[in-house]
Amino acid sequence: MEKSQSQRIAINDINLSAFLTLKGITPDLTLTSGRVIFEFPITDELYNQVKAYNTNELVPCLDFISALRRLRGQMLSMRGQK
């Protein structure tokens, strides 16, 4: 994860991004050099949810898979728009 100058954090991990999306934190997707980056606003809630992800918080499996598929679809759609 790296901080950007506009108070956003870039995350390359689609699993973490899906978890954050499931928790209600929506990313902006950016296409950079053929790769899609998930950018989240930097907030205390973001850091709390990243900590929850890293401590293996339980989440509903099907909801997580649905969030993962949605992000993957958006990501593939962006790559196709080159």
PDB file of N, CA and C in Angstrom:
ATOM      1  N   MET A   1       0.836  -1.167   0.000  1.00  0.00           N
ATOM      2  CA  MET A   1       0.000   0.000   0.000  1.00  0.00           C
ATOM      3  C   MET A   1       0.890   1.243   0.000  1.00  0.00           C
ATOM      4  N   GLU A   2       0.498   2.208  -0.765  1.00  0.00           N
ATOM      5  CA  GLU A   2       1.268   3.444  -0.782  1.00  0.00           C
ATOM      6  C   GLU A   2       0.335   4.643  -0.739  1.00  0.00           C
ATOM      7  N   LYS A   3       0.753   5.691  -0.036  1.00  0.00           N
ATOM      8  CA  LYS A   3      -0.066   6.887   0.085  1.00  0.00           C
ATOM      9  C   LYS A   3       0.111   7.745  -1.153  1.00  0.00           C
ATOM     10  N   SER A   4      -0.974   8.303  -1.614  1.00  0.00           N
ATOM     11  CA  SER A   4      -0.899   9.250  -2.717  1.00  0.00           C
ATOM     12  C   SER A   4      -1.035  10.657  -2.142  1.00  0.00           C
ATOM     13  N   GLN A   5      -0.744  11.648  -2.949  1.00  0.00           N
ATOM     14  CA  GLN A   5      -0.746  13.018  -2.460  1.00  0.00           C
ATOM     15  C   GLN A   5      -2.153  13.553  -2.214  1.00  0.00           C
ATOM     16  N   SER A   6      -3.174  12.958  -2.794  1.00  0.00           N
ATOM     17  CA  SER A   6      -4.529  13.485  -2.650  1.00  0.00           C
ATOM     18  C   SER A   6      -5.319  12.759  -1.559  1.00  0.00           C
ATOM     19  N   GLN A   7      -4.640  12.338  -0.494  1.00  0.00           N
ATOM     20  CA  GLN A   7      -5.283  11.674   0.633  1.00  0.00           C
ATOM     21  C   GLN A   7      -6.015  10.402   0.221  1.00  0.00           C
ATOM     22  N   ARG A   8      -5.383   9.643  -0.661  1.00  0.00           N
ATOM     23  CA  ARG A   8      -5.918   8.358  -1.093  1.00  0.00           C
ATOM     24  C   ARG A   8      -4.804   7.345  -0.938  1.00  0.00           C
ATOM     25  N   ILE A   9      -5.173   6.088  -0.814  1.00  0.00           N
ATOM     26  CA  ILE A   9      -4.191   5.030  -0.697  1.00  0.00           C
ATOM     27  C   ILE A   9      -4.431   4.034  -1.828  1.00  0.00           C
ATOM     28  N   ALA A  10      -3.359   3.664  -2.511  1.00  0.00           N
ATOM     29  CA  ALA A  10      -3.447   2.736  -3.633  1.00  0.00           C
ATOM     30  C   ALA A  10      -3.201   1.322  -3.125  1.00  0.00           C
ATOM     31  N   ILE A  11      -4.103   0.417  -3.472  1.00  0.00           N
ATOM     32  CA  ILE A  11      -3.999  -0.985  -3.053  1.00  0.00           C
ATOM     33  C   ILE A  11      -4.054  -1.855  -4.298  1.00  0.00           C
ATOM     34  N   ASN A  12      -3.094  -2.759  -4.414  1.00  0.00           N
ATOM     35  CA  ASN A  12      -3.041  -3.670  -5.560  1.00  0.00           C
ATOM     36  C   ASN A  12      -3.728  -5.004  -5.277  1.00  0.00           C
ATOM     37  N   ASP A  13      -4.024  -5.301  -4.041  1.00  0.00           N
ATOM     38  CA  ASP A  13      -4.586  -6.589  -3.628  1.00  0.00           C
ATOM     39  C   ASP A  13      -6.102  -6.595  -3.831  1.00  0.00           C
ATOM     40  N   ILE A  14      -6.561  -7.411  -4.770  1.00  0.00           N
ATOM     41  CA  ILE A  14      -8.000  -7.459  -5.063  1.00  0.00           C
ATOM     42  C   ILE A  14      -8.781  -8.072  -3.906  1.00  0.00           C
ATOM     43  N   ASN A  15      -8.162  -8.990  -3.158  1.00  0.00           N
ATOM     44  CA  ASN A  15      -8.864  -9.602  -2.022  1.00  0.00           C
ATOM     45  C   ASN A  15      -9.101  -8.584  -0.912  1.00  0.00           C
ATOM     46  N   LEU A  16      -8.093  -7.815  -0.575  1.00  0.00           N
ATOM     47  CA  LEU A  16      -8.255  -6.756   0.423  1.00  0.00           C
ATOM     48  C   LEU A  16      -9.261  -5.725  -0.072  1.00  0.00           C
ATOM     49  N   SER A  17      -9.184  -5.382  -1.340  1.00  0.00           N
ATOM     50  CA  SER A  17     -10.114  -4.409  -1.913  1.00  0.00           C
ATOM     51  C   SER A  17     -11.549  -4.915  -1.852  1.00  0.00           C
ATOM     52  N   ALA A  18     -11.755  -6.200  -2.105  1.00  0.00           N
ATOM     53  CA  ALA A  18     -13.095  -6.782  -2.019  1.00  0.00           C
ATOM     54  C   ALA A  18     -13.593  -6.752  -0.576  1.00  0.00           C
ATOM     55  N   PHE A  19     -12.714  -7.044   0.373  1.00  0.00           N
ATOM     56  CA  PHE A  19     -13.080  -6.993   1.789  1.00  0.00           C
ATOM     57  C   PHE A  19     -13.502  -5.580   2.174  1.00  0.00           C
ATOM     58  N   LEU A  20     -12.717  -4.591   1.764  1.00  0.00           N
ATOM     59  CA  LEU A  20     -13.042  -3.203   2.077  1.00  0.00           C
ATOM     60  C   LEU A  20     -14.363  -2.778   1.427  1.00  0.00           C
ATOM     61  N   THR A  21     -14.580  -3.236   0.206  1.00  0.00           N
ATOM     62  CA  THR A  21     -15.837  -2.940  -0.492  1.00  0.00           C
ATOM     63  C   THR A  21     -17.007  -3.559   0.257  1.00  0.00           C
ATOM     64  N   LEU A  22     -16.816  -4.786   0.710  1.00  0.00           N
ATOM     65  CA  LEU A  22     -17.851  -5.469   1.484  1.00  0.00           C
ATOM     66  C   LEU A  22     -18.177  -4.703   2.766  1.00  0.00           C
ATOM     67  N   LYS A  23     -17.185  -4.037   3.321  1.00  0.00           N
ATOM     68  CA  LYS A  23     -17.366  -3.259   4.550  1.00  0.00           C
ATOM     69  C   LYS A  23     -17.873  -1.844   4.273  1.00  0.00           C
ATOM     70  N   GLY A  24     -18.158  -1.527   3.011  1.00  0.00           N
ATOM     71  CA  GLY A  24     -18.767  -0.243   2.673  1.00  0.00           C
ATOM     72  C   GLY A  24     -17.798   0.854   2.265  1.00  0.00           C
ATOM     73  N   ILE A  25     -16.542   0.508   2.048  1.00  0.00           N
ATOM     74  CA  ILE A  25     -15.556   1.500   1.612  1.00  0.00           C
ATOM     75  C   ILE A  25     -15.312   1.263   0.124  1.00  0.00           C
ATOM     76  N   THR A  26     -15.798   2.153  -0.708  1.00  0.00           N
ATOM     77  CA  THR A  26     -15.766   1.975  -2.155  1.00  0.00           C
ATOM     78  C   THR A  26     -14.502   2.572  -2.768  1.00  0.00           C
ATOM     79  N   PRO A  27     -13.808   1.780  -3.604  1.00  0.00           N
ATOM     80  CA  PRO A  27     -12.595   2.307  -4.242  1.00  0.00           C
ATOM     81  C   PRO A  27     -12.893   3.013  -5.555  1.00  0.00           C
ATOM     82  N   ASP A  28     -11.956   3.864  -5.953  1.00  0.00           N
ATOM     83  CA  ASP A  28     -11.915   4.360  -7.326  1.00  0.00           C
ATOM     84  C   ASP A  28     -10.895   3.486  -8.037  1.00  0.00           C
ATOM     85  N   LEU A  29     -11.216   3.058  -9.244  1.00  0.00           N
ATOM     86  CA  LEU A  29     -10.296   2.227 -10.008  1.00  0.00           C
ATOM     87  C   LEU A  29      -9.550   3.100 -11.001  1.00  0.00           C
ATOM     88  N   THR A  30      -8.230   2.908 -11.070  1.00  0.00           N
ATOM     89  CA  THR A  30      -7.376   3.683 -11.955  1.00  0.00           C
ATOM     90  C   THR A  30      -6.538   2.731 -12.783  1.00  0.00           C
ATOM     91  N   LEU A  31      -6.490   2.965 -14.085  1.00  0.00           N
ATOM     92  CA  LEU A  31      -5.669   2.154 -14.980  1.00  0.00           C
ATOM     93  C   LEU A  31      -4.311   2.830 -15.127  1.00  0.00           C
ATOM     94  N   THR A  32      -3.247   2.135 -14.699  1.00  0.00           N
ATOM     95  CA  THR A  32      -1.893   2.670 -14.748  1.00  0.00           C
ATOM     96  C   THR A  32      -0.969   1.630 -15.359  1.00  0.00           C
ATOM     97  N   SER A  33      -0.404   1.946 -16.514  1.00  0.00           N
ATOM     98  CA  SER A  33       0.533   1.038 -17.191  1.00  0.00           C
ATOM     99  C   SER A  33      -0.064  -0.352 -17.390  1.00  0.00           C
ATOM    100  N   GLY A  34      -1.318  -0.414 -17.754  1.00  0.00           N
ATOM    101  CA  GLY A  34      -1.966  -1.695 -18.018  1.00  0.00           C
ATOM    102  C   GLY A  34      -2.437  -2.428 -16.778  1.00  0.00           C
ATOM    103  N   ARG A  35      -2.230  -1.854 -15.601  1.00  0.00           N
ATOM    104  CA  ARG A  35      -2.661  -2.470 -14.343  1.00  0.00           C
ATOM    105  C   ARG A  35      -3.741  -1.610 -13.703  1.00  0.00           C
ATOM    106  N   VAL A  36      -4.706  -2.271 -13.106  1.00  0.00           N
ATOM    107  CA  VAL A  36      -5.771  -1.550 -12.412  1.00  0.00           C
ATOM    108  C   VAL A  36      -5.392  -1.441 -10.935  1.00  0.00           C
ATOM    109  N   ILE A  37      -5.458  -0.226 -10.430  1.00  0.00           N
ATOM    110  CA  ILE A  37      -5.144   0.065  -9.036  1.00  0.00           C
ATOM    111  C   ILE A  37      -6.441   0.468  -8.337  1.00  0.00           C
ATOM    112  N   PHE A  38      -6.635  -0.044  -7.129  1.00  0.00           N
ATOM    113  CA  PHE A  38      -7.797   0.319  -6.316  1.00  0.00           C
ATOM    114  C   PHE A  38      -7.357   1.423  -5.367  1.00  0.00           C
ATOM    115  N   GLU A  39      -8.004   2.590  -5.464  1.00  0.00           N
ATOM    116  CA  GLU A  39      -7.647   3.734  -4.618  1.00  0.00           C
ATOM    117  C   GLU A  39      -8.774   4.013  -3.632  1.00  0.00           C
ATOM    118  N   PHE A  40      -8.409   4.030  -2.358  1.00  0.00           N
ATOM    119  CA  PHE A  40      -9.372   4.251  -1.282  1.00  0.00           C
ATOM    120  C   PHE A  40      -9.065   5.558  -0.572  1.00  0.00           C
ATOM    121  N   PRO A  41     -10.096   6.253  -0.096  1.00  0.00           N
ATOM    122  CA  PRO A  41      -9.862   7.464   0.699  1.00  0.00           C
ATOM    123  C   PRO A  41      -9.233   7.072   2.041  1.00  0.00           C
ATOM    124  N   ILE A  42      -8.264   7.860   2.473  1.00  0.00           N
ATOM    125  CA  ILE A  42      -7.589   7.575   3.737  1.00  0.00           C
ATOM    126  C   ILE A  42      -8.460   8.076   4.885  1.00  0.00           C
ATOM    127  N   THR A  43      -8.939   7.133   5.690  1.00  0.00           N
ATOM    128  CA  THR A  43      -9.756   7.456   6.864  1.00  0.00           C
ATOM    129  C   THR A  43      -9.376   6.493   7.985  1.00  0.00           C
ATOM    130  N   ASP A  44      -9.805   6.824   9.187  1.00  0.00           N
ATOM    131  CA  ASP A  44      -9.592   5.907  10.305  1.00  0.00           C
ATOM    132  C   ASP A  44     -10.331   4.601  10.082  1.00  0.00           C
ATOM    133  N   GLU A  45     -11.513   4.676   9.473  1.00  0.00           N
ATOM    134  CA  GLU A  45     -12.293   3.466   9.192  1.00  0.00           C
ATOM    135  C   GLU A  45     -11.534   2.538   8.239  1.00  0.00           C
ATOM    136  N   LEU A  46     -10.863   3.113   7.251  1.00  0.00           N
ATOM    137  CA  LEU A  46     -10.064   2.303   6.328  1.00  0.00           C
ATOM    138  C   LEU A  46      -9.002   1.530   7.107  1.00  0.00           C
ATOM    139  N   TYR A  47      -8.269   2.221   7.963  1.00  0.00           N
ATOM    140  CA  TYR A  47      -7.222   1.559   8.738  1.00  0.00           C
ATOM    141  C   TYR A  47      -7.797   0.493   9.673  1.00  0.00           C
ATOM    142  N   ASN A  48      -8.962   0.767  10.263  1.00  0.00           N
ATOM    143  CA  ASN A  48      -9.611  -0.221  11.124  1.00  0.00           C
ATOM    144  C   ASN A  48      -9.996  -1.475  10.337  1.00  0.00           C
ATOM    145  N   GLN A  49     -10.507  -1.275   9.126  1.00  0.00           N
ATOM    146  CA  GLN A  49     -10.921  -2.422   8.319  1.00  0.00           C
ATOM    147  C   GLN A  49      -9.718  -3.199   7.760  1.00  0.00           C
ATOM    148  N   VAL A  50      -8.635  -2.511   7.444  1.00  0.00           N
ATOM    149  CA  VAL A  50      -7.418  -3.212   7.009  1.00  0.00           C
ATOM    150  C   VAL A  50      -6.902  -4.072   8.160  1.00  0.00           C
ATOM    151  N   LYS A  51      -6.959  -3.534   9.366  1.00  0.00           N
ATOM    152  CA  LYS A  51      -6.549  -4.303  10.540  1.00  0.00           C
ATOM    153  C   LYS A  51      -7.457  -5.514  10.717  1.00  0.00           C
ATOM    154  N   ALA A  52      -8.761  -5.337  10.537  1.00  0.00           N
ATOM    155  CA  ALA A  52      -9.708  -6.449  10.651  1.00  0.00           C
ATOM    156  C   ALA A  52      -9.408  -7.524   9.607  1.00  0.00           C
ATOM    157  N   TYR A  53      -9.083  -7.101   8.399  1.00  0.00           N
ATOM    158  CA  TYR A  53      -8.725  -8.051   7.329  1.00  0.00           C
ATOM    159  C   TYR A  53      -7.488  -8.844   7.726  1.00  0.00           C
ATOM    160  N   ASN A  54      -6.481  -8.159   8.262  1.00  0.00           N
ATOM    161  CA  ASN A  54      -5.222  -8.807   8.626  1.00  0.00           C
ATOM    162  C   ASN A  54      -5.344  -9.703   9.850  1.00  0.00           C
ATOM    163  N   THR A  55      -6.395  -9.508  10.647  1.00  0.00           N
ATOM    164  CA  THR A  55      -6.625 -10.392  11.794  1.00  0.00           C
ATOM    165  C   THR A  55      -7.635 -11.484  11.461  1.00  0.00           C
ATOM    166  N   ASN A  56      -7.959 -11.607  10.174  1.00  0.00           N
ATOM    167  CA  ASN A  56      -8.810 -12.696   9.676  1.00  0.00           C
ATOM    168  C   ASN A  56     -10.237 -12.633  10.224  1.00  0.00           C
ATOM    169  N   GLU A  57     -10.812 -11.425  10.200  1.00  0.00           N
ATOM    170  CA  GLU A  57     -12.197 -11.260  10.649  1.00  0.00           C
ATOM    171  C   GLU A  57     -13.126 -12.105   9.787  1.00  0.00           C
ATOM    172  N   LEU A  58     -14.101 -12.708  10.424  1.00  0.00           N
ATOM    173  CA  LEU A  58     -15.068 -13.522   9.688  1.00  0.00           C
ATOM    174  C   LEU A  58     -16.005 -12.633   8.875  1.00  0.00           C
ATOM    175  N   VAL A  59     -16.249 -13.055   7.638  1.00  0.00           N
ATOM    176  CA  VAL A  59     -17.203 -12.357   6.770  1.00  0.00           C
ATOM    177  C   VAL A  59     -18.057 -13.414   6.084  1.00  0.00           C
ATOM    178  N   PRO A  60     -19.259 -13.062   5.679  1.00  0.00           N
ATOM    179  CA  PRO A  60     -20.086 -14.005   4.935  1.00  0.00           C
ATOM    180  C   PRO A  60     -19.408 -14.380   3.610  1.00  0.00           C
ATOM    181  N   CYS A  61     -19.187 -15.638   3.420  1.00  0.00           N
ATOM    182  CA  CYS A  61     -18.421 -16.138   2.271  1.00  0.00           C
ATOM    183  C   CYS A  61     -19.024 -15.706   0.928  1.00  0.00           C
ATOM    184  N   LEU A  62     -20.297 -15.927   0.744  1.00  0.00           N
ATOM    185  CA  LEU A  62     -20.914 -15.603  -0.545  1.00  0.00           C
ATOM    186  C   LEU A  62     -20.922 -14.102  -0.810  1.00  0.00           C
ATOM    187  N   ASP A  63     -21.071 -13.303   0.231  1.00  0.00           N
ATOM    188  CA  ASP A  63     -21.015 -11.852   0.060  1.00  0.00           C
ATOM    189  C   ASP A  63     -19.619 -11.410  -0.363  1.00  0.00           C
ATOM    190  N   PHE A  64     -18.595 -12.024   0.245  1.00  0.00           N
ATOM    191  CA  PHE A  64     -17.211 -11.701  -0.120  1.00  0.00           C
ATOM    192  C   PHE A  64     -16.936 -12.092  -1.572  1.00  0.00           C
ATOM    193  N   ILE A  65     -17.366 -13.276  -1.965  1.00  0.00           N
ATOM    194  CA  ILE A  65     -17.161 -13.736  -3.346  1.00  0.00           C
ATOM    195  C   ILE A  65     -17.882 -12.822  -4.327  1.00  0.00           C
ATOM    196  N   SER A  66     -19.074 -12.373  -3.962  1.00  0.00           N
ATOM    197  CA  SER A  66     -19.821 -11.458  -4.823  1.00  0.00           C
ATOM    198  C   SER A  66     -19.071 -10.136  -4.988  1.00  0.00           C
ATOM    199  N   ALA A  67     -18.533  -9.592  -3.896  1.00  0.00           N
ATOM    200  CA  ALA A  67     -17.763  -8.344  -3.967  1.00  0.00           C
ATOM    201  C   ALA A  67     -16.501  -8.544  -4.807  1.00  0.00           C
ATOM    202  N   LEU A  68     -15.853  -9.690  -4.649  1.00  0.00           N
ATOM    203  CA  LEU A  68     -14.655 -10.010  -5.416  1.00  0.00           C
ATOM    204  C   LEU A  68     -14.966 -10.089  -6.910  1.00  0.00           C
ATOM    205  N   ARG A  69     -16.047 -10.752  -7.262  1.00  0.00           N
ATOM    206  CA  ARG A  69     -16.435 -10.871  -8.677  1.00  0.00           C
ATOM    207  C   ARG A  69     -16.797  -9.520  -9.292  1.00  0.00           C
ATOM    208  N   ARG A  70     -17.486  -8.687  -8.517  1.00  0.00           N
ATOM    209  CA  ARG A  70     -17.843  -7.359  -9.011  1.00  0.00           C
ATOM    210  C   ARG A  70     -16.591  -6.539  -9.318  1.00  0.00           C
ATOM    211  N   LEU A  71     -15.631  -6.545  -8.379  1.00  0.00           N
ATOM    212  CA  LEU A  71     -14.393  -5.793  -8.597  1.00  0.00           C
ATOM    213  C   LEU A  71     -13.609  -6.360  -9.774  1.00  0.00           C
ATOM    214  N   ARG A  72     -13.530  -7.681  -9.856  1.00  0.00           N
ATOM    215  CA  ARG A  72     -12.801  -8.303 -10.963  1.00  0.00           C
ATOM    216  C   ARG A  72     -13.442  -7.928 -12.302  1.00  0.00           C
ATOM    217  N   GLY A  73     -14.772  -7.913 -12.363  1.00  0.00           N
ATOM    218  CA  GLY A  73     -15.482  -7.502 -13.577  1.00  0.00           C
ATOM    219  C   GLY A  73     -15.167  -6.065 -13.955  1.00  0.00           C
ATOM    220  N   GLN A  74     -15.174  -5.171 -12.965  1.00  0.00           N
ATOM    221  CA  GLN A  74     -14.843  -3.769 -13.227  1.00  0.00           C
ATOM    222  C   GLN A  74     -13.402  -3.647 -13.714  1.00  0.00           C
ATOM    223  N   MET A  75     -12.521  -4.415 -13.084  1.00  0.00           N
ATOM    224  CA  MET A  75     -11.114  -4.379 -13.439  1.00  0.00           C
ATOM    225  C   MET A  75     -10.903  -4.845 -14.881  1.00  0.00           C
ATOM    226  N   LEU A  76     -11.522  -5.955 -15.255  1.00  0.00           N
ATOM    227  CA  LEU A  76     -11.370  -6.477 -16.614  1.00  0.00           C
ATOM    228  C   LEU A  76     -12.005  -5.546 -17.639  1.00  0.00           C
ATOM    229  N   SER A  77     -13.105  -4.907 -17.278  1.00  0.00           N
ATOM    230  CA  SER A  77     -13.751  -3.944 -18.160  1.00  0.00           C
ATOM    231  C   SER A  77     -12.827  -2.766 -18.430  1.00  0.00           C
ATOM    232  N   MET A  78     -12.150  -2.278 -17.397  1.00  0.00           N
ATOM    233  CA  MET A  78     -11.225  -1.147 -17.574  1.00  0.00           C
ATOM    234  C   MET A  78     -10.053  -1.540 -18.459  1.00  0.00           C
ATOM    235  N   ARG A  79      -9.537  -2.737 -18.266  1.00  0.00           N
ATOM    236  CA  ARG A  79      -8.402  -3.184 -19.079  1.00  0.00           C
ATOM    237  C   ARG A  79      -8.790  -3.290 -20.547  1.00  0.00           C
ATOM    238  N   GLY A  80     -10.039  -3.627 -20.816  1.00  0.00           N
ATOM    239  CA  GLY A  80     -10.509  -3.762 -22.190  1.00  0.00           C
ATOM    240  C   GLY A  80     -10.728  -2.443 -22.891  1.00  0.00           C
ATOM    241  N   GLN A  81     -10.720  -1.332 -22.158  1.00  0.00           N
ATOM    242  CA  GLN A  81     -10.973  -0.011 -22.738  1.00  0.00           C
ATOM    243  C   GLN A  81      -9.711   0.710 -23.194  1.00  0.00           C
ATOM    244  N   LYS A  82      -8.576   0.072 -23.092  1.00  0.00           N
ATOM    245  CA  LYS A  82      -7.290   0.701 -23.436  1.00  0.00           C
ATOM    246  C   LYS A  82      -7.399   1.641 -24.568  1.00  0.00           C
TER     247      LYS A  82
END
